């Protein structure tokens, strides 16, 4: 019997532009100290800033905790049409 995965609720909670929690994350496309790209239930979310660091990552729970100074958050597209990471789809 196959277990159905419930849709994860997408939520962003940010405190003082320095620490945040994002839920509804299905994959991490890439990350470094200035850019984090997350695939969420609502589309691709790109965060830009300084000193960005992933403190906790749980794709099973769809949760990411980030530290660092956020300068922008931008969504690209809508809900992802296909499963798989951004990188896998780019290098087909």
C-alpha atoms as a PDB file:
ATOM      1  CA  UNK A   1       0.000   0.000   0.000  1.00  0.00           C
ATOM      2  CA  UNK A   2       1.348   3.389  -0.997  1.00  0.00           C
ATOM      3  CA  UNK A   3       1.349   6.146   1.581  1.00  0.00           C
ATOM      4  CA  UNK A   4       0.002   9.498   0.343  1.00  0.00           C
ATOM      5  CA  UNK A   5       1.954  12.565   1.312  1.00  0.00           C
ATOM      6  CA  UNK A   6      -0.222  15.456   2.447  1.00  0.00           C
ATOM      7  CA  UNK A   7       0.424  18.870   0.939  1.00  0.00           C
ATOM      8  CA  UNK A   8       2.693  20.825   3.238  1.00  0.00           C
ATOM      9  CA  UNK A   9       1.470  24.183   4.473  1.00  0.00           C
ATOM     10  CA  UNK A  10       3.763  26.925   3.203  1.00  0.00           C
ATOM     11  CA  UNK A  11       4.683  29.526   5.791  1.00  0.00           C
ATOM     12  CA  UNK A  12       7.514  32.012   6.293  1.00  0.00           C
ATOM     13  CA  UNK A  13       8.335  33.385   9.743  1.00  0.00           C
ATOM     14  CA  UNK A  14      11.205  35.861   9.915  1.00  0.00           C
ATOM     15  CA  UNK A  15      12.553  37.615  13.014  1.00  0.00           C
ATOM     16  CA  UNK A  16      14.478  40.892  12.698  1.00  0.00           C
ATOM     17  CA  UNK A  17      15.653  39.949   9.171  1.00  0.00           C
ATOM     18  CA  UNK A  18      18.251  37.704  10.847  1.00  0.00           C
ATOM     19  CA  UNK A  19      16.590  34.350  11.571  1.00  0.00           C
ATOM     20  CA  UNK A  20      13.775  32.551   9.847  1.00  0.00           C
ATOM     21  CA  UNK A  21      11.767  29.393   9.464  1.00  0.00           C
ATOM     22  CA  UNK A  22      10.185  28.303   6.179  1.00  0.00           C
ATOM     23  CA  UNK A  23       7.748  25.400   5.853  1.00  0.00           C
ATOM     24  CA  UNK A  24       6.319  23.766   2.745  1.00  0.00           C
ATOM     25  CA  UNK A  25       9.814  23.253   1.291  1.00  0.00           C
ATOM     26  CA  UNK A  26      10.116  20.292  -1.069  1.00  0.00           C
ATOM     27  CA  UNK A  27      13.757  20.680  -2.184  1.00  0.00           C
ATOM     28  CA  UNK A  28      16.838  22.895  -1.935  1.00  0.00           C
ATOM     29  CA  UNK A  29      18.062  23.978  -5.374  1.00  0.00           C
ATOM     30  CA  UNK A  30      21.271  25.642  -4.190  1.00  0.00           C
ATOM     31  CA  UNK A  31      22.688  27.724  -1.385  1.00  0.00           C
ATOM     32  CA  UNK A  32      25.695  29.810  -0.458  1.00  0.00           C
ATOM     33  CA  UNK A  33      26.341  32.810   1.805  1.00  0.00           C
ATOM     34  CA  UNK A  34      24.459  35.242  -0.469  1.00  0.00           C
ATOM     35  CA  UNK A  35      21.698  33.177  -2.159  1.00  0.00           C
ATOM     36  CA  UNK A  36      19.408  30.326  -1.137  1.00  0.00           C
ATOM     37  CA  UNK A  37      17.037  28.771  -3.712  1.00  0.00           C
ATOM     38  CA  UNK A  38      14.203  26.665  -2.324  1.00  0.00           C
ATOM     39  CA  UNK A  39      11.509  24.715  -4.134  1.00  0.00           C
ATOM     40  CA  UNK A  40       8.246  25.145  -2.223  1.00  0.00           C
ATOM     41  CA  UNK A  41       4.613  24.148  -2.652  1.00  0.00           C
ATOM     42  CA  UNK A  42       4.003  27.658  -3.999  1.00  0.00           C
ATOM     43  CA  UNK A  43       6.904  27.830  -6.493  1.00  0.00           C
ATOM     44  CA  UNK A  44      10.624  28.552  -6.433  1.00  0.00           C
ATOM     45  CA  UNK A  45      11.639  30.896  -3.610  1.00  0.00           C
ATOM     46  CA  UNK A  46      14.941  32.781  -3.948  1.00  0.00           C
ATOM     47  CA  UNK A  47      16.348  34.466  -0.850  1.00  0.00           C
ATOM     48  CA  UNK A  48      19.235  36.909  -1.144  1.00  0.00           C
ATOM     49  CA  UNK A  49      21.257  38.436   1.641  1.00  0.00           C
ATOM     50  CA  UNK A  50      24.503  38.295   3.586  1.00  0.00           C
ATOM     51  CA  UNK A  51      25.936  35.530   5.742  1.00  0.00           C
ATOM     52  CA  UNK A  52      23.106  33.110   4.935  1.00  0.00           C
ATOM     53  CA  UNK A  53      23.392  29.755   6.670  1.00  0.00           C
ATOM     54  CA  UNK A  54      21.023  26.778   6.785  1.00  0.00           C
ATOM     55  CA  UNK A  55      20.746  25.827  10.443  1.00  0.00           C
ATOM     56  CA  UNK A  56      18.220  23.010  10.106  1.00  0.00           C
ATOM     57  CA  UNK A  57      16.953  21.169   7.043  1.00  0.00           C
ATOM     58  CA  UNK A  58      14.239  18.513   7.116  1.00  0.00           C
ATOM     59  CA  UNK A  59      12.749  17.753   3.701  1.00  0.00           C
ATOM     60  CA  UNK A  60      10.612  14.995   5.269  1.00  0.00           C
ATOM     61  CA  UNK A  61       8.881  17.680   7.340  1.00  0.00           C
ATOM     62  CA  UNK A  62       9.336  20.330   4.633  1.00  0.00           C
ATOM     63  CA  UNK A  63      11.111  22.700   6.996  1.00  0.00           C
ATOM     64  CA  UNK A  64      14.195  24.927   6.705  1.00  0.00           C
ATOM     65  CA  UNK A  65      15.681  27.230   9.331  1.00  0.00           C
ATOM     66  CA  UNK A  66      17.973  30.012   8.101  1.00  0.00           C
ATOM     67  CA  UNK A  67      20.292  32.523   9.755  1.00  0.00           C
ATOM     68  CA  UNK A  68      21.723  35.651   8.142  1.00  0.00           C
ATOM     69  CA  UNK A  69      20.613  39.058   6.932  1.00  0.00           C
ATOM     70  CA  UNK A  70      17.816  38.838   4.336  1.00  0.00           C
ATOM     71  CA  UNK A  71      17.734  41.547   1.686  1.00  0.00           C
ATOM     72  CA  UNK A  72      15.100  40.059  -0.647  1.00  0.00           C
ATOM     73  CA  UNK A  73      12.698  37.148  -1.122  1.00  0.00           C
ATOM     74  CA  UNK A  74      11.302  36.468  -4.603  1.00  0.00           C
ATOM     75  CA  UNK A  75       8.960  33.763  -5.905  1.00  0.00           C
ATOM     76  CA  UNK A  76       9.398  32.500  -9.451  1.00  0.00           C
ATOM     77  CA  UNK A  77       6.543  30.662 -11.119  1.00  0.00           C
ATOM     78  CA  UNK A  78       3.754  28.897  -9.325  1.00  0.00           C
ATOM     79  CA  UNK A  79       3.458  25.422  -7.910  1.00  0.00           C
ATOM     80  CA  UNK A  80       6.064  23.109  -9.404  1.00  0.00           C
ATOM     81  CA  UNK A  81       4.620  20.970 -12.180  1.00  0.00           C
ATOM     82  CA  UNK A  82       7.199  18.180 -11.917  1.00  0.00           C
ATOM     83  CA  UNK A  83       8.860  16.440  -9.027  1.00  0.00           C
ATOM     84  CA  UNK A  84      12.634  16.343  -8.676  1.00  0.00           C
ATOM     85  CA  UNK A  85      15.232  18.914  -7.849  1.00  0.00           C
ATOM     86  CA  UNK A  86      15.843  22.029  -9.885  1.00  0.00           C
ATOM     87  CA  UNK A  87      19.318  20.779 -10.772  1.00  0.00           C
ATOM     88  CA  UNK A  88      18.030  17.419 -12.011  1.00  0.00           C
ATOM     89  CA  UNK A  89      15.571  19.156 -14.324  1.00  0.00           C
ATOM     90  CA  UNK A  90      18.263  21.506 -15.634  1.00  0.00           C
ATOM     91  CA  UNK A  91      20.674  18.709 -16.564  1.00  0.00           C
ATOM     92  CA  UNK A  92      18.356  16.287 -18.369  1.00  0.00           C
END
